[in-house]
């Protein structure tokens, strides 16, 4: 029996519907259930061929459990090793190398010294930074947000240098990035599942949360294809099985704004019934596909092109 496990936190609508949909298909030798953990012993194989991860970003114990499971052959959606290494600033850097338009972005050191460090720990960091060049490059208005982490947390819209200094003083030990504001005419949130299934959803981030999917943007077939290509390119290089990419269209150009969302919102109250049904159906089909392909004891993870190409390059030496 190939078991598909759903690992989740307080969310209910998507995990429950996912498990029910997998089981309703009655695929011979495949079943789904919520993951159950009563012990984690190093090197022990889990009972799951596939685990769908919705919570380890917030629970380090689960992340460590998933790495051990993956090492022993479980196909984890998403790859816990890459998810641990990935962050938003790197994603923007990668986008510049794969011809994906992104906002101008700079990385900023934390306002306060990290715990157990002193000024001597930063011998290689110039003080002060070249703020003049940074502000000229980014311009105002701008956004300041954590370089890693998800959700709309510690995000600031800034209109001046004075406002930047005031708000940056509130960020404590967070490493932030300063990003050009894209004043968009259209905005889309795009699910990508399995690196091949894409759903492009009109989205209005300026609306209240429960109304953000109530938007009437209507992309032309050419624009739709362009956005689909961008989404697939990003997820191919990152190697995420389940991700969302947000695209803001300015002057006809789709800019990738946020595309490190390996546990994106899939609640029925947020995304609406039609989008919810697509996500549940597509995720169930993909998880079943992974279960049927599963090979005991092998590396069943998905790895992105960035990692795979680096490995291939190093094989030459």
Protein backbone atom coordinates (compact mmCIF):
# COMPACT_ATOMS: atom_id res chain seq x y z
CA UNK A 1 0.00 0.00 0.00
CA UNK A 2 1.35 3.43 -0.99
CA UNK A 3 0.27 5.87 1.69
CA UNK A 4 -0.04 9.60 1.07
CA UNK A 5 0.21 11.60 4.29
CA UNK A 6 -1.08 15.14 4.81
CA UNK A 7 0.95 17.14 7.37
CA UNK A 8 -0.88 20.29 8.41
CA UNK A 9 -1.57 22.73 11.23
CA UNK A 10 -4.74 24.63 12.06
CA UNK A 11 -6.07 24.80 8.50
CA UNK A 12 -8.89 22.38 7.77
CA UNK A 13 -10.66 22.90 4.44
CA UNK A 14 -7.81 21.99 2.07
CA UNK A 15 -6.19 19.12 4.05
CA UNK A 16 -9.56 17.47 4.67
CA UNK A 17 -10.75 17.85 1.08
CA UNK A 18 -7.39 16.60 -0.25
CA UNK A 19 -7.48 13.39 1.78
CA UNK A 20 -11.11 12.77 0.88
CA UNK A 21 -10.49 13.38 -2.83
CA UNK A 22 -7.50 11.04 -3.03
CA UNK A 23 -9.45 8.27 -1.33
CA UNK A 24 -12.58 8.88 -3.41
CA UNK A 25 -10.61 8.02 -6.55
CA UNK A 26 -10.14 4.47 -5.25
CA UNK A 27 -6.76 3.99 -6.91
CA UNK A 28 -5.65 0.43 -6.30
CA UNK A 29 -2.84 0.34 -3.74
CA UNK A 30 -3.03 4.07 -2.87
CA UNK A 31 -4.65 5.75 0.13
CA UNK A 32 -4.37 9.10 1.93
CA UNK A 33 -4.59 10.06 5.60
CA UNK A 34 -3.41 12.75 8.03
CA UNK A 35 0.20 12.07 9.05
CA UNK A 36 0.55 10.45 12.46
CA UNK A 37 3.88 10.72 14.33
CA UNK A 38 4.52 8.90 17.61
CA UNK A 39 8.31 8.72 17.44
CA UNK A 40 11.14 9.89 15.19
CA UNK A 41 14.22 7.65 15.19
CA UNK A 42 17.23 8.47 13.04
CA UNK A 43 17.32 6.56 9.79
CA UNK A 44 13.91 4.94 10.28
CA UNK A 45 11.64 4.63 7.24
CA UNK A 46 8.19 6.19 7.60
CA UNK A 47 5.01 4.46 6.51
CA UNK A 48 4.38 7.13 3.85
CA UNK A 49 5.39 7.01 0.19
CA UNK A 50 4.39 10.69 -0.11
CA UNK A 51 3.94 13.42 2.48
CA UNK A 52 2.24 16.70 1.58
CA UNK A 53 3.75 19.35 3.85
CA UNK A 54 1.64 22.36 4.83
CA UNK A 55 3.16 23.33 8.19
CA UNK A 56 6.89 22.61 8.64
CA UNK A 57 7.78 26.22 7.88
CA UNK A 58 6.37 27.02 11.32
CA UNK A 59 7.37 23.85 13.20
CA UNK A 60 11.11 22.99 13.18
CA UNK A 61 10.36 19.53 14.63
CA UNK A 62 8.30 18.70 11.55
CA UNK A 63 11.01 20.00 9.20
CA UNK A 64 13.59 17.70 10.82
CA UNK A 65 11.12 14.78 10.67
CA UNK A 66 10.55 15.41 6.95
CA UNK A 67 14.27 15.50 6.15
CA UNK A 68 14.72 12.14 7.84
CA UNK A 69 11.69 10.79 5.98
CA UNK A 70 13.02 12.07 2.65
CA UNK A 71 16.44 10.56 3.32
CA UNK A 72 14.71 7.21 3.79
CA UNK A 73 12.73 7.46 0.54
CA UNK A 74 9.56 9.48 1.18
CA UNK A 75 8.60 11.92 -1.58
CA UNK A 76 7.96 15.12 0.36
CA UNK A 77 5.92 17.90 -1.27
CA UNK A 78 7.80 20.29 -1.09
CA UNK A 79 11.46 19.22 -0.89
CA UNK A 80 12.35 20.07 2.76
CA UNK A 81 16.07 20.49 2.04
CA UNK A 82 15.52 23.13 -0.63
CA UNK A 83 12.74 24.81 1.33
CA UNK A 84 15.14 25.16 4.27
CA UNK A 85 17.77 26.77 2.03
CA UNK A 86 15.50 29.02 -0.01
CA UNK A 87 14.48 32.61 0.71
CA UNK A 88 12.91 35.53 -1.10
CA UNK A 89 16.06 37.53 -1.84
CA UNK A 90 17.76 34.52 -3.44
CA UNK A 91 14.65 33.96 -5.55
CA UNK A 92 14.87 37.52 -6.86
CA UNK A 93 18.57 37.03 -7.61
CA UNK A 94 17.79 33.81 -9.48
CA UNK A 95 15.02 35.52 -11.45
CA UNK A 96 17.53 38.01 -12.84
CA UNK A 97 19.49 35.08 -14.31
CA UNK A 98 16.53 33.30 -15.95
CA UNK A 99 15.00 36.34 -17.69
CA UNK A 100 12.09 36.86 -15.32
CA UNK A 101 11.29 40.55 -14.68
CA UNK A 102 11.40 41.42 -10.96
CA UNK A 103 11.33 44.70 -9.00
CA UNK A 104 14.66 46.34 -8.19
CA UNK A 105 15.68 44.90 -4.82
CA UNK A 106 18.51 45.31 -2.29
CA UNK A 107 19.37 43.34 0.84
CA UNK A 108 19.78 45.15 4.17
CA UNK A 109 21.59 43.99 7.32
CA UNK A 110 19.49 43.77 10.46
CA UNK A 111 18.94 47.00 12.38
CA UNK A 112 19.99 45.34 15.65
CA UNK A 113 22.93 43.01 16.11
CA UNK A 114 21.99 39.32 16.06
CA UNK A 115 22.10 37.56 19.41
CA UNK A 116 25.62 36.49 20.45
CA UNK A 117 27.30 38.93 18.04
CA UNK A 118 29.04 42.26 18.54
CA UNK A 119 30.24 45.09 16.30
CA UNK A 120 33.44 43.09 15.76
CA UNK A 121 31.36 40.35 14.10
CA UNK A 122 30.73 42.75 11.21
CA UNK A 123 34.30 43.66 10.29
CA UNK A 124 33.48 43.20 6.59
CA UNK A 125 30.40 45.42 6.57
CA UNK A 126 30.89 49.06 5.61
CA UNK A 127 29.37 51.62 7.97
CA UNK A 128 27.38 53.50 6.99
CA UNK A 129 26.04 51.69 3.96
CA UNK A 130 25.87 53.62 0.70
CA UNK A 131 22.33 54.76 1.41
CA UNK A 132 22.40 57.40 -1.30
CA UNK A 133 23.10 54.81 -4.01
CA UNK A 134 20.55 52.38 -2.52
CA UNK A 135 17.74 54.97 -2.48
CA UNK A 136 18.60 56.20 -5.97
CA UNK A 137 18.47 52.63 -7.28
CA UNK A 138 15.17 51.68 -5.61
CA UNK A 139 13.34 55.00 -5.58
CA UNK A 140 10.20 55.84 -3.59
CA UNK A 141 7.52 54.68 -2.99
CA UNK A 142 9.10 51.38 -2.01
CA UNK A 143 8.35 48.29 0.05
CA UNK A 144 10.46 46.89 2.87
CA UNK A 145 9.89 43.28 3.82
CA UNK A 146 11.77 40.37 5.46
CA UNK A 147 14.15 38.60 3.09
CA UNK A 148 12.72 35.28 4.25
CA UNK A 149 9.46 34.07 5.73
CA UNK A 150 5.89 34.08 4.50
CA UNK A 151 2.67 35.93 5.05
CA UNK A 152 2.09 39.65 5.19
CA UNK A 153 4.31 40.11 8.28
CA UNK A 154 6.61 43.07 8.98
CA UNK A 155 5.91 44.56 5.53
CA UNK A 156 6.12 48.34 5.16
CA UNK A 157 5.14 50.69 2.36
CA UNK A 158 7.56 53.63 2.43
CA UNK A 159 7.30 57.02 0.76
CA UNK A 160 10.56 58.73 1.77
CA UNK A 161 14.02 58.26 3.24
CA UNK A 162 12.78 59.65 6.55
CA UNK A 163 10.00 57.08 6.65
CA UNK A 164 12.49 54.33 5.79
CA UNK A 165 14.76 55.20 8.73
CA UNK A 166 11.79 55.42 11.09
CA UNK A 167 10.36 52.03 10.08
CA UNK A 168 13.69 50.25 9.73
CA UNK A 169 14.32 51.09 13.40
CA UNK A 170 11.30 48.87 14.25
CA UNK A 171 12.63 45.75 12.53
CA UNK A 172 14.98 44.65 15.34
CA UNK A 173 16.99 41.58 14.20
CA UNK A 174 15.08 40.92 10.99
CA UNK A 175 17.11 40.96 7.80
CA UNK A 176 15.08 43.05 5.40
CA UNK A 177 15.05 43.81 1.72
CA UNK A 178 14.06 47.10 0.14
CA UNK A 179 12.11 46.74 -3.08
CA UNK A 180 10.85 49.02 -5.82
CA UNK A 181 7.08 49.47 -5.81
CA UNK A 182 5.47 48.21 -9.01
CA UNK A 183 2.42 50.34 -9.74
CA UNK A 184 0.44 47.74 -11.59
CA UNK A 185 -2.57 47.78 -13.89
CA UNK A 186 -3.32 44.08 -13.38
CA UNK A 187 -2.32 41.51 -10.77
CA UNK A 188 -2.45 37.70 -10.81
CA UNK A 189 -1.84 34.94 -8.29
CA UNK A 190 -0.82 31.72 -9.98
CA UNK A 191 -0.80 28.21 -8.55
CA UNK A 192 1.78 25.82 -9.96
CA UNK A 193 1.48 22.14 -9.07
CA UNK A 194 3.93 19.46 -10.13
CA UNK A 195 5.93 21.96 -12.12
CA UNK A 196 3.43 21.58 -14.97
CA UNK A 197 -0.12 22.44 -13.89
CA UNK A 198 -0.81 26.19 -13.68
CA UNK A 199 -3.90 28.12 -12.64
CA UNK A 200 -3.77 31.87 -13.21
CA UNK A 201 -6.19 33.75 -10.97
CA UNK A 202 -7.01 37.48 -11.16
CA UNK A 203 -6.14 38.90 -7.76
CA UNK A 204 -6.45 42.34 -6.17
CA UNK A 205 -4.05 42.63 -3.19
CA UNK A 206 -5.41 46.10 -2.38
CA UNK A 207 -8.81 44.62 -1.48
CA UNK A 208 -9.70 43.29 1.99
CA UNK A 209 -8.39 39.74 2.40
CA UNK A 210 -11.73 38.01 1.77
CA UNK A 211 -12.25 39.98 -1.47
CA UNK A 212 -8.80 39.67 -3.04
CA UNK A 213 -9.89 37.00 -5.51
CA UNK A 214 -12.79 39.21 -6.59
CA UNK A 215 -11.07 40.88 -9.53
CA UNK A 216 -12.07 41.29 -13.17
CA UNK A 217 -8.69 41.34 -14.91
CA UNK A 218 -8.98 39.51 -18.23
CA UNK A 219 -5.62 38.66 -19.81
CA UNK A 220 -5.39 38.13 -23.55
CA UNK A 221 -4.37 34.65 -24.69
CA UNK A 222 -0.88 36.03 -25.43
CA UNK A 223 -0.56 37.56 -21.96
CA UNK A 224 -1.88 34.37 -20.38
CA UNK A 225 0.73 32.29 -22.22
CA UNK A 226 3.49 34.73 -21.23
CA UNK A 227 2.52 34.52 -17.55
CA UNK A 228 2.21 30.73 -17.67
CA UNK A 229 5.72 30.50 -19.15
CA UNK A 230 7.11 32.71 -16.36
CA UNK A 231 5.41 30.64 -13.66
CA UNK A 232 6.68 27.35 -15.11
CA UNK A 233 10.21 28.74 -15.53
CA UNK A 234 10.37 29.92 -11.92
CA UNK A 235 9.05 26.67 -10.46
CA UNK A 236 11.25 24.58 -12.75
CA UNK A 237 14.39 26.31 -11.47
CA UNK A 238 13.29 26.33 -7.82
CA UNK A 239 11.99 22.77 -7.92
CA UNK A 240 8.80 23.31 -5.97
CA UNK A 241 5.99 20.78 -6.42
CA UNK A 242 3.45 23.20 -4.94
CA UNK A 243 3.90 26.96 -5.08
CA UNK A 244 2.24 30.23 -5.98
CA UNK A 245 3.72 33.02 -8.06
CA UNK A 246 2.33 36.55 -7.89
CA UNK A 247 2.62 38.66 -11.03
CA UNK A 248 2.05 42.41 -11.26
CA UNK A 249 1.59 43.78 -14.77
CA UNK A 250 3.05 47.25 -15.34
CA UNK A 251 3.14 48.78 -18.82
CA UNK A 252 2.40 45.38 -20.31
CA UNK A 253 5.26 43.62 -18.46
CA UNK A 254 4.47 40.90 -15.86
CA UNK A 255 6.81 41.34 -12.87
CA UNK A 256 7.26 38.43 -10.45
CA UNK A 257 6.57 39.99 -7.06
CA UNK A 258 6.38 37.07 -4.65
CA UNK A 259 7.22 33.52 -5.67
CA UNK A 260 8.50 31.75 -2.57
CA UNK A 261 5.16 30.38 -1.34
CA UNK A 262 5.63 26.61 -0.81
CA UNK A 263 2.63 26.47 1.57
CA UNK A 264 0.29 28.96 -0.11
CA UNK A 265 -3.17 29.82 1.15
CA UNK A 266 -5.63 27.26 -0.19
CA UNK A 267 -8.54 27.86 2.16
CA UNK A 268 -11.92 27.76 0.47
CA UNK A 269 -12.99 31.01 2.17
CA UNK A 270 -9.99 32.81 0.67
CA UNK A 271 -9.67 31.41 -2.82
CA UNK A 272 -13.32 30.69 -3.58
CA UNK A 273 -15.03 27.46 -4.58
CA UNK A 274 -13.88 27.24 -8.19
CA UNK A 275 -10.19 27.81 -7.41
CA UNK A 276 -10.43 25.55 -4.37
CA UNK A 277 -11.85 22.69 -6.42
CA UNK A 278 -9.03 23.03 -8.96
CA UNK A 279 -6.33 23.00 -6.29
CA UNK A 280 -7.79 19.98 -4.49
CA UNK A 281 -8.26 17.99 -7.70
CA UNK A 282 -4.87 18.84 -9.16
CA UNK A 283 -2.97 18.32 -5.90
CA UNK A 284 -4.69 14.95 -5.39
CA UNK A 285 -3.83 13.80 -8.90
CA UNK A 286 -0.22 14.89 -8.54
CA UNK A 287 0.22 13.24 -5.14
CA UNK A 288 -1.19 9.99 -6.56
CA UNK A 289 1.21 10.29 -9.48
CA UNK A 290 4.12 10.66 -7.03
CA UNK A 291 2.92 7.69 -4.99
CA UNK A 292 2.67 5.43 -8.04
CA UNK A 293 6.18 6.47 -9.16
CA UNK A 294 7.65 6.00 -5.68
CA UNK A 295 10.67 3.73 -5.35
CA UNK A 296 11.48 2.33 -1.92
CA UNK A 297 14.70 3.67 -0.44
CA UNK A 298 15.46 5.96 -3.38
CA UNK A 299 15.64 9.74 -3.53
CA UNK A 300 12.05 10.55 -4.50
CA UNK A 301 12.32 14.30 -4.01
CA UNK A 302 11.92 16.95 -6.70
CA UNK A 303 15.06 19.02 -7.29
CA UNK A 304 15.11 22.28 -9.20
CA UNK A 305 17.19 23.10 -12.25
CA UNK A 306 19.42 25.44 -10.24
CA UNK A 307 20.57 22.56 -8.03
CA UNK A 308 20.62 19.92 -10.77
CA UNK A 309 22.71 22.05 -13.11
CA UNK A 310 25.18 22.79 -10.33
CA UNK A 311 25.56 19.06 -9.67
CA UNK A 312 26.02 18.29 -13.36
CA UNK A 313 28.63 21.02 -13.69
CA UNK A 314 30.62 19.67 -10.75
CA UNK A 315 30.59 16.17 -12.23
CA UNK A 316 32.90 17.47 -14.95
CA UNK A 317 35.74 18.06 -12.47
